[in-house]
Amino acid sequence: MIVLWVTTLIAVALGALAIGAAVYGFLRPETVLSSAKAKKKNTHNFKSIDSISNIAILIACFRGEATIASTVKAAIATGCDVYVVDDGSKLKKVNDKADRPIDQTTEVARRAGAIVVELLHNVGKPAALLEAYQELQLSQRYQAVAILDDDVQIEPDFIYQANKLMTKEVAIVVGKNITWWPDSLKWNIWIASRAYSYWSYQIVIRKIQSFFNVMNCISGSNSLYRTELLDVVLFTKPPYIVDDTFWVLETHRRQLGNIIYAPKAKAYLQDPTNFKDWYNQNLRWLWGTFQGIIGHRVGKSLTRFDFAYVVMMIQWAIYVISGPVALYVIFYLSLRNPYVLLSFVGGYGIWVVVCAVALRKLRLIFFIPVIIVADLIYRFIFVHALIKAIRQPTVKDCKWDSPARINNLVGEMIK
């Protein structure tokens, strides 16, 4: 019982820090550009994009020779011009094995049909995107650019569906994340967990946030941006570990346009297949989220976005605090009354079954215990990320190690 109370008190304190992150922003010197303070009247009247030929696709890639061909081929199927920026893939890294073969990302991407900008040094995704954006003069040649990761495959109508929502007020259209779940990994617990989390987040939170134009995060791996927006945000070095966290906060703070979710613009993503990669990726995403809360002083301004974000942080605090309660239910009450455990698992189970039917992945039902455990671990990652953001609210370079990719050398469509 003492352990339960101690754990609960720790969770309460750490959960409250999620709200405290907004207060912390008041006490710190501004860590983002002072121009982010500038406020304009939101009177956007962007031009309509009447043709696919006015949209380009830009793919940032680092050592993606195993996946880039399929990504490029799927992008070309949309009818858009496709560009790849190779972020110094051939450059030897300190921890590389001596016999590591020379990376062929550039060559593979060109054979797949992309126009490639090859960088000699690894500069990180946002800097690489900027170099390609400038060298290719995308701002002068196109009205919008879809930015993809090198292991993402979009459906042929992705650009069409996204552009349908690119109205005169909209600056960013966010695609729908769908986990690629190949038969060879059909019983992988981390892919199952991510497939469920994508679905549950997008079916509720993302749709609500999109409706009210208060989206606090976007899919950096598959979103469509107006070049007028990229002309602003790309030319600023992101101070956070997640570049798209910076972009979305700048868009709201500087009122650069609305951000909309397009559930019919589908993209298939490669997700972590082991615990280490799953944990580290979630940690980086949440670390970047809290860096953004601190750096952009979320909660300071009396705006609909700030109000919605503070409400979200309160929900996070409740979510974290409920972790010890869940453990209490599982390990204490269920020993006295097994029906308590059945009710707890059943609550998760109903939602997982709905997800399994919606995704047409009925095997998800067998992963209910795993999804519960992953959800409990995710609460701890929230705490870990918040502490990490307080200790390191900015980064010098926006670089990270991506999860291990699943080889798709033949360029087959992944669904």
Protein backbone atom coordinates (compact mmCIF):
# COMPACT_ATOMS: atom_id res chain seq x y z
CA MET A 1 0.00 0.00 0.00
CA ILE A 2 2.89 2.37 0.81
CA VAL A 3 4.37 1.70 -2.62
CA LEU A 4 1.02 2.52 -4.22
CA TRP A 5 0.75 5.85 -2.40
CA VAL A 6 4.35 6.81 -3.17
CA THR A 7 3.88 5.93 -6.84
CA THR A 8 0.64 7.90 -6.96
CA LEU A 9 2.23 10.98 -5.38
CA ILE A 10 5.12 10.84 -7.84
CA ALA A 11 2.71 10.53 -10.76
CA VAL A 12 0.65 13.47 -9.46
CA ALA A 13 3.75 15.64 -9.19
CA LEU A 14 5.13 14.68 -12.57
CA GLY A 15 1.74 14.86 -14.26
CA ALA A 16 1.28 18.38 -12.91
CA LEU A 17 4.56 19.32 -14.57
CA ALA A 18 2.82 18.95 -17.92
CA ILE A 19 0.70 21.97 -16.98
CA GLY A 20 3.73 23.57 -15.33
CA ALA A 21 5.53 23.53 -18.67
CA ALA A 22 3.32 26.42 -19.77
CA VAL A 23 4.14 28.36 -16.57
CA TYR A 24 7.80 27.51 -17.07
CA GLY A 25 7.66 29.32 -20.41
CA PHE A 26 6.83 32.55 -18.58
CA LEU A 27 9.96 32.26 -16.45
CA ARG A 28 12.42 31.54 -19.23
CA PRO A 29 13.91 33.94 -21.76
CA GLU A 30 12.35 33.45 -25.18
CA THR A 31 14.10 30.56 -26.92
CA VAL A 32 12.58 30.98 -30.36
CA LEU A 33 12.88 33.84 -32.80
CA SER A 34 11.48 37.13 -31.60
CA SER A 35 9.56 37.31 -34.85
CA ALA A 36 7.37 34.55 -33.45
CA LYS A 37 5.91 37.20 -31.18
CA ALA A 38 4.67 39.14 -34.16
CA LYS A 39 0.94 38.96 -34.60
CA LYS A 40 -0.97 39.54 -37.74
CA LYS A 41 -4.61 39.62 -38.45
CA ASN A 42 -5.56 36.28 -39.90
CA THR A 43 -6.86 37.41 -43.29
CA HIS A 44 -5.37 34.75 -45.54
CA ASN A 45 -6.60 34.50 -49.05
CA PHE A 46 -4.27 31.98 -50.67
CA LYS A 47 -4.67 31.21 -54.33
CA SER A 48 -6.36 27.96 -55.25
CA ILE A 49 -4.14 25.20 -56.63
CA ASP A 50 -5.89 24.15 -59.80
CA SER A 51 -3.43 21.57 -61.10
CA ILE A 52 -1.27 18.76 -59.73
CA SER A 53 1.53 20.21 -61.83
CA ASN A 54 1.69 23.09 -59.33
CA ILE A 55 2.59 20.71 -56.50
CA ALA A 56 5.96 19.04 -55.93
CA ILE A 57 6.98 16.20 -53.62
CA LEU A 58 10.22 16.53 -51.66
CA ILE A 59 11.66 13.54 -49.83
CA ALA A 60 14.42 13.93 -47.25
CA CYS A 61 16.59 10.82 -47.06
CA PHE A 62 19.56 9.60 -45.07
CA ARG A 63 20.83 6.10 -45.81
CA GLY A 64 17.46 5.02 -47.14
CA GLU A 65 18.62 2.83 -50.02
CA ALA A 66 16.45 -0.04 -48.76
CA THR A 67 13.20 1.95 -48.88
CA ILE A 68 13.63 4.98 -51.14
CA ALA A 69 12.70 3.21 -54.39
CA SER A 70 9.22 2.27 -53.18
CA THR A 71 8.72 5.73 -51.68
CA VAL A 72 9.69 7.45 -54.94
CA LYS A 73 7.57 5.16 -57.12
CA ALA A 74 4.51 5.73 -54.95
CA ALA A 75 5.11 9.49 -55.09
CA ILE A 76 5.48 9.47 -58.88
CA ALA A 77 2.13 7.67 -59.16
CA THR A 78 0.45 10.85 -57.87
CA GLY A 79 1.45 12.69 -61.07
CA CYS A 80 3.66 15.20 -59.25
CA ASP A 81 7.32 16.03 -59.84
CA VAL A 82 9.36 14.13 -57.26
CA TYR A 83 12.60 15.31 -55.68
CA VAL A 84 14.90 13.61 -53.20
CA VAL A 85 17.56 15.26 -51.05
CA ASP A 86 20.23 12.78 -49.96
CA ASP A 87 21.51 14.09 -46.62
CA GLY A 88 25.11 12.92 -46.89
CA SER A 89 24.36 9.21 -46.94
CA LYS A 90 27.80 8.31 -48.31
CA LEU A 91 29.61 10.12 -45.52
CA LYS A 92 31.37 7.78 -43.09
CA LYS A 93 30.24 8.11 -39.48
CA VAL A 94 32.38 7.50 -36.43
CA ASN A 95 30.44 4.42 -35.35
CA ASP A 96 30.34 2.86 -38.86
CA LYS A 97 31.94 -0.53 -39.34
CA ALA A 98 35.14 -0.48 -41.34
CA ASP A 99 33.71 -2.77 -44.02
CA ARG A 100 30.41 -0.90 -44.39
CA PRO A 101 29.62 -0.61 -48.12
CA ILE A 102 29.14 2.82 -49.71
CA ASP A 103 25.50 3.86 -49.48
CA GLN A 104 23.55 3.86 -52.76
CA THR A 105 20.59 6.07 -51.78
CA THR A 106 21.23 8.63 -54.52
CA GLU A 107 21.65 6.02 -57.24
CA VAL A 108 18.58 4.03 -56.17
CA ALA A 109 16.42 7.16 -56.00
CA ARG A 110 17.50 8.26 -59.48
CA ARG A 111 16.79 4.84 -60.96
CA ALA A 112 13.32 5.00 -59.39
CA GLY A 113 12.65 8.24 -61.25
CA ALA A 114 13.39 11.06 -58.79
CA ILE A 115 15.49 14.17 -59.33
CA VAL A 116 18.13 14.01 -56.61
CA VAL A 117 20.10 16.67 -54.75
CA GLU A 118 23.05 14.94 -53.09
CA LEU A 119 24.67 16.64 -50.11
CA LEU A 120 28.26 15.91 -49.17
CA HIS A 121 27.64 16.30 -45.44
CA ASN A 122 24.94 15.13 -43.05
CA VAL A 123 23.22 18.35 -41.96
CA GLY A 124 19.94 17.00 -40.55
CA LYS A 125 16.48 16.83 -42.07
CA PRO A 126 15.35 20.49 -41.82
CA ALA A 127 18.66 21.85 -43.12
CA ALA A 128 18.71 19.31 -45.94
CA LEU A 129 15.16 20.25 -46.92
CA LEU A 130 16.14 23.91 -47.00
CA GLU A 131 19.17 23.28 -49.23
CA ALA A 132 17.07 21.32 -51.73
CA TYR A 133 14.21 23.83 -51.53
CA GLN A 134 16.58 26.65 -52.46
CA GLU A 135 18.68 24.80 -55.04
CA LEU A 136 15.61 23.49 -56.87
CA GLN A 137 13.82 26.86 -56.58
CA LEU A 138 10.66 25.13 -55.47
CA SER A 139 9.11 28.33 -54.15
CA GLN A 140 9.29 29.96 -57.56
CA ARG A 141 8.11 26.90 -59.48
CA TYR A 142 5.30 25.45 -57.32
CA GLN A 143 2.43 26.58 -55.13
CA ALA A 144 2.76 23.73 -52.65
CA VAL A 145 5.22 21.02 -51.64
CA ALA A 146 4.45 17.70 -49.97
CA ILE A 147 7.28 16.65 -47.65
CA LEU A 148 7.70 12.92 -47.11
CA ASP A 149 10.03 10.65 -45.17
CA ASP A 150 12.07 8.13 -47.14
CA ASP A 151 10.18 5.11 -45.80
CA VAL A 152 6.66 6.42 -46.39
CA GLN A 153 4.40 5.40 -49.25
CA ILE A 154 1.43 7.54 -50.19
CA GLU A 155 -1.57 6.37 -52.15
CA PRO A 156 -1.92 7.58 -55.77
CA ASP A 157 -4.69 10.02 -54.80
CA PHE A 158 -2.84 11.40 -51.74
CA ILE A 159 -2.07 14.77 -53.36
CA TYR A 160 -5.55 15.01 -54.88
CA GLN A 161 -7.24 14.36 -51.53
CA ALA A 162 -4.95 16.75 -49.67
CA ASN A 163 -5.33 19.49 -52.24
CA LYS A 164 -9.13 19.25 -52.05
CA LEU A 165 -8.85 20.66 -48.51
CA MET A 166 -6.25 23.29 -49.41
CA THR A 167 -8.73 26.16 -49.32
CA LYS A 168 -7.82 29.85 -49.32
CA GLU A 169 -7.31 29.87 -45.52
CA VAL A 170 -5.27 26.64 -45.30
CA ALA A 171 -1.46 26.51 -45.21
CA ILE A 172 -0.88 22.88 -44.17
CA VAL A 173 -2.85 19.72 -44.93
CA VAL A 174 -1.89 16.72 -42.81
CA GLY A 175 -2.13 13.21 -44.21
CA LYS A 176 -3.47 10.12 -42.48
CA ASN A 177 -0.91 7.82 -40.84
CA ILE A 178 -1.41 4.11 -41.42
CA THR A 179 1.08 1.56 -40.10
CA TRP A 180 2.53 -0.78 -42.69
CA TRP A 181 2.03 -4.23 -41.20
CA PRO A 182 3.59 -6.88 -43.46
CA ASP A 183 2.76 -10.54 -43.06
CA SER A 184 6.37 -11.27 -42.12
CA LEU A 185 5.80 -9.19 -38.97
CA LYS A 186 2.13 -9.96 -38.42
CA TRP A 187 2.72 -10.83 -34.74
CA ASN A 188 5.11 -7.98 -33.95
CA ILE A 189 3.83 -6.36 -30.75
CA TRP A 190 5.34 -2.91 -31.38
CA ILE A 191 3.82 -2.58 -34.83
CA ALA A 192 0.47 -3.67 -33.38
CA SER A 193 0.74 -1.07 -30.65
CA ARG A 194 1.56 1.72 -33.11
CA ALA A 195 -1.21 0.71 -35.51
CA TYR A 196 -3.69 1.05 -32.67
CA SER A 197 -2.29 4.35 -31.36
CA TYR A 198 -2.33 5.99 -34.81
CA TRP A 199 -5.94 4.97 -35.34
CA SER A 200 -7.22 6.00 -31.90
CA TYR A 201 -5.44 9.38 -32.02
CA GLN A 202 -6.59 10.29 -35.50
CA ILE A 203 -10.18 9.12 -35.13
CA VAL A 204 -10.78 11.39 -32.14
CA ILE A 205 -8.20 14.03 -31.22
CA ARG A 206 -6.87 14.92 -34.64
CA LYS A 207 -10.34 15.30 -36.16
CA ILE A 208 -11.50 17.54 -33.32
CA GLN A 209 -8.35 19.66 -33.44
CA SER A 210 -8.63 19.99 -37.21
CA PHE A 211 -12.24 21.17 -36.95
CA PHE A 212 -11.31 23.96 -34.53
CA ASN A 213 -7.93 24.74 -36.17
CA VAL A 214 -5.99 23.97 -32.99
CA MET A 215 -3.83 21.09 -34.19
CA ASN A 216 -0.76 20.86 -31.94
CA CYS A 217 1.19 18.36 -34.02
CA ILE A 218 1.34 17.33 -37.64
CA SER A 219 2.65 14.35 -39.58
CA GLY A 220 6.09 15.50 -40.59
CA SER A 221 6.38 12.35 -42.68
CA ASN A 222 3.43 13.11 -44.98
CA SER A 223 1.98 16.61 -45.11
CA LEU A 224 1.32 19.18 -47.83
CA TYR A 225 2.57 22.75 -47.31
CA ARG A 226 2.00 25.96 -49.24
CA THR A 227 5.27 27.42 -50.45
CA GLU A 228 4.31 30.76 -48.87
CA LEU A 229 4.50 28.97 -45.51
CA LEU A 230 7.72 27.11 -46.29
CA ASP A 231 9.32 30.41 -47.32
CA VAL A 232 8.94 31.41 -43.67
CA VAL A 233 9.41 28.28 -41.55
CA LEU A 234 12.07 26.47 -43.59
CA PHE A 235 14.41 29.43 -43.40
CA THR A 236 14.42 29.26 -39.60
CA LYS A 237 16.64 26.73 -37.86
CA PRO A 238 14.36 24.65 -35.59
CA PRO A 239 15.45 24.86 -31.94
CA TYR A 240 13.60 21.63 -31.11
CA ILE A 241 14.44 17.98 -31.74
CA VAL A 242 11.28 17.61 -33.88
CA ASP A 243 11.24 20.02 -36.83
CA ASP A 244 7.52 19.80 -37.54
CA THR A 245 6.76 20.71 -33.90
CA PHE A 246 8.48 24.03 -34.58
CA TRP A 247 6.68 24.48 -37.90
CA VAL A 248 3.21 23.94 -36.46
CA LEU A 249 3.82 26.26 -33.50
CA GLU A 250 5.21 28.96 -35.77
CA THR A 251 2.19 28.60 -38.03
CA HIS A 252 -0.18 29.18 -35.12
CA ARG A 253 1.88 31.87 -33.37
CA ARG A 254 2.48 33.91 -36.51
CA GLN A 255 -0.95 33.14 -37.94
CA LEU A 256 0.46 31.86 -41.21
CA GLY A 257 -2.65 29.88 -42.13
CA ASN A 258 -4.90 27.08 -40.96
CA ILE A 259 -3.84 23.47 -40.45
CA ILE A 260 -6.28 20.79 -41.61
CA TYR A 261 -6.37 17.01 -41.35
CA ALA A 262 -7.22 15.04 -44.50
CA PRO A 263 -8.31 11.50 -43.49
CA LYS A 264 -8.64 10.45 -47.14
CA ALA A 265 -5.01 11.36 -47.91
CA LYS A 266 -3.52 8.06 -46.82
CA ALA A 267 0.15 7.33 -46.17
CA TYR A 268 1.69 4.02 -45.11
CA LEU A 269 4.49 4.35 -42.57
CA GLN A 270 7.24 2.07 -41.38
CA ASP A 271 7.18 1.96 -37.59
CA PRO A 272 9.53 0.53 -34.94
CA THR A 273 9.74 -3.23 -34.70
CA ASN A 274 11.55 -3.51 -31.35
CA PHE A 275 11.18 -2.00 -27.90
CA LYS A 276 14.31 0.17 -28.02
CA ASP A 277 13.32 1.91 -31.26
CA TRP A 278 9.69 2.23 -30.14
CA TYR A 279 10.69 3.80 -26.83
CA ASN A 280 13.28 6.16 -28.31
CA GLN A 281 10.99 7.38 -31.10
CA ASN A 282 8.15 8.11 -28.69
CA LEU A 283 10.60 9.81 -26.35
CA ARG A 284 11.92 12.06 -29.13
CA TRP A 285 8.42 13.01 -30.27
CA LEU A 286 7.28 13.90 -26.74
CA TRP A 287 10.57 15.62 -25.93
CA GLY A 288 10.05 17.84 -28.96
CA THR A 289 6.45 18.45 -27.91
CA PHE A 290 7.48 19.71 -24.48
CA GLN A 291 10.33 21.75 -25.96
CA GLY A 292 7.72 23.49 -28.08
CA ILE A 293 5.46 24.15 -25.08
CA ILE A 294 8.38 25.71 -23.23
CA GLY A 295 9.98 27.59 -26.11
CA HIS A 296 6.77 29.00 -27.58
CA ARG A 297 5.29 29.72 -24.13
CA VAL A 298 2.11 27.82 -24.75
CA GLY A 299 -0.60 29.13 -22.45
CA LYS A 300 0.69 32.69 -22.36
CA SER A 301 -1.57 34.12 -25.05
CA LEU A 302 -5.33 34.31 -24.87
CA THR A 303 -5.98 32.44 -28.09
CA ARG A 304 -8.14 29.48 -29.01
CA PHE A 305 -4.99 27.49 -29.78
CA ASP A 306 -3.43 28.20 -26.36
CA PHE A 307 -6.67 27.36 -24.59
CA ALA A 308 -7.01 24.08 -26.46
CA TYR A 309 -3.38 23.19 -25.77
CA VAL A 310 -3.73 23.84 -22.03
CA VAL A 311 -6.82 21.63 -22.00
CA MET A 312 -4.73 18.99 -23.76
CA MET A 313 -2.01 19.28 -21.10
CA ILE A 314 -4.58 18.82 -18.36
CA GLN A 315 -5.73 15.67 -20.15
CA TRP A 316 -2.09 14.52 -20.27
CA ALA A 317 -1.73 15.08 -16.51
CA ILE A 318 -4.84 13.00 -15.83
CA TYR A 319 -3.54 10.35 -18.22
CA VAL A 320 -0.19 10.11 -16.42
CA ILE A 321 -1.77 10.12 -12.97
CA SER A 322 -4.13 7.31 -13.94
CA GLY A 323 -1.17 4.99 -14.54
CA PRO A 324 -0.67 4.05 -10.87
CA VAL A 325 -4.43 3.70 -10.51
CA ALA A 326 -4.40 1.18 -13.35
CA LEU A 327 -1.57 -0.73 -11.69
CA TYR A 328 -3.53 -0.74 -8.44
CA VAL A 329 -6.52 -2.20 -10.23
CA ILE A 330 -4.43 -4.86 -11.93
CA PHE A 331 -2.23 -5.99 -9.03
CA TYR A 332 -4.35 -5.38 -5.96
CA LEU A 333 -8.08 -5.24 -6.52
CA SER A 334 -8.07 -8.01 -9.10
CA LEU A 335 -6.60 -10.40 -6.55
CA ARG A 336 -9.69 -9.85 -4.45
CA ASN A 337 -12.17 -9.71 -7.28
CA PRO A 338 -11.16 -11.07 -10.73
CA TYR A 339 -14.15 -9.30 -12.27
CA VAL A 340 -12.40 -5.98 -11.66
CA LEU A 341 -9.54 -7.05 -13.92
CA LEU A 342 -11.98 -8.32 -16.52
CA SER A 343 -13.80 -4.98 -16.51
CA PHE A 344 -10.51 -3.10 -16.87
CA VAL A 345 -9.33 -5.23 -19.78
CA GLY A 346 -12.79 -5.14 -21.31
CA GLY A 347 -12.75 -1.35 -21.44
CA TYR A 348 -9.60 -1.45 -23.54
CA GLY A 349 -10.86 -4.44 -25.44
CA ILE A 350 -13.98 -2.78 -26.82
CA TRP A 351 -11.97 0.08 -28.32
CA VAL A 352 -9.34 -2.29 -29.71
CA VAL A 353 -12.03 -4.41 -31.35
CA VAL A 354 -13.47 -1.30 -33.01
CA CYS A 355 -9.97 -0.47 -34.23
CA ALA A 356 -9.40 -4.00 -35.50
CA VAL A 357 -12.59 -3.86 -37.54
CA ALA A 358 -11.86 -0.37 -38.86
CA LEU A 359 -8.32 -1.33 -39.94
CA ARG A 360 -9.40 -4.78 -41.13
CA LYS A 361 -6.72 -6.27 -38.89
CA LEU A 362 -8.69 -8.64 -36.71
CA ARG A 363 -5.49 -10.07 -35.24
CA LEU A 364 -5.25 -6.83 -33.23
CA ILE A 365 -7.74 -8.38 -30.83
CA PHE A 366 -5.06 -10.82 -29.70
CA PHE A 367 -2.80 -7.88 -28.82
CA ILE A 368 -5.11 -6.37 -26.19
CA PRO A 369 -2.80 -7.29 -23.23
CA VAL A 370 0.21 -5.92 -25.13
CA ILE A 371 -1.58 -2.67 -25.98
CA ILE A 372 -2.46 -2.20 -22.29
CA VAL A 373 1.17 -2.70 -21.25
CA ALA A 374 2.44 -0.37 -23.99
CA ASP A 375 -0.07 2.26 -22.87
CA LEU A 376 1.25 2.08 -19.31
CA ILE A 377 4.84 2.39 -20.52
CA TYR A 378 3.84 5.38 -22.65
CA ARG A 379 2.79 7.24 -19.50
CA PHE A 380 6.31 6.82 -18.15
CA ILE A 381 7.70 8.13 -21.45
CA PHE A 382 5.60 11.27 -20.93
CA VAL A 383 7.40 11.87 -17.64
CA HIS A 384 10.81 11.05 -19.10
CA ALA A 385 10.26 13.44 -22.02
CA LEU A 386 9.08 16.29 -19.81
CA ILE A 387 12.13 16.03 -17.56
CA LYS A 388 14.37 15.85 -20.62
CA ALA A 389 12.76 18.97 -22.11
CA ILE A 390 13.21 20.95 -18.88
CA ARG A 391 16.86 19.93 -18.75
CA GLN A 392 17.40 20.52 -22.49
CA PRO A 393 14.74 22.91 -23.86
CA THR A 394 16.57 23.43 -27.16
CA VAL A 395 18.96 21.52 -29.42
CA LYS A 396 21.89 22.74 -31.48
CA ASP A 397 21.11 20.52 -34.45
CA CYS A 398 17.88 18.78 -35.39
CA LYS A 399 19.40 15.32 -35.93
CA TRP A 400 18.35 11.90 -34.69
CA ASP A 401 18.78 8.20 -35.34
CA SER A 402 15.78 6.72 -37.12
CA PRO A 403 14.36 3.30 -36.19
CA ALA A 404 15.67 0.33 -38.14
CA ARG A 405 13.91 0.14 -41.50
CA ILE A 406 12.31 -2.90 -43.06
CA ASN A 407 13.96 -3.56 -46.41
CA ASN A 408 11.79 -3.01 -49.46
CA LEU A 409 14.46 -3.22 -52.13
CA VAL A 410 12.12 -4.18 -54.96
CA GLY A 411 9.98 -1.10 -54.54
CA GLU A 412 6.71 -2.90 -53.92
CA MET A 413 3.70 -1.01 -52.65
CA ILE A 414 3.22 -1.54 -48.94
CA LYS A 415 -0.31 -1.82 -47.57
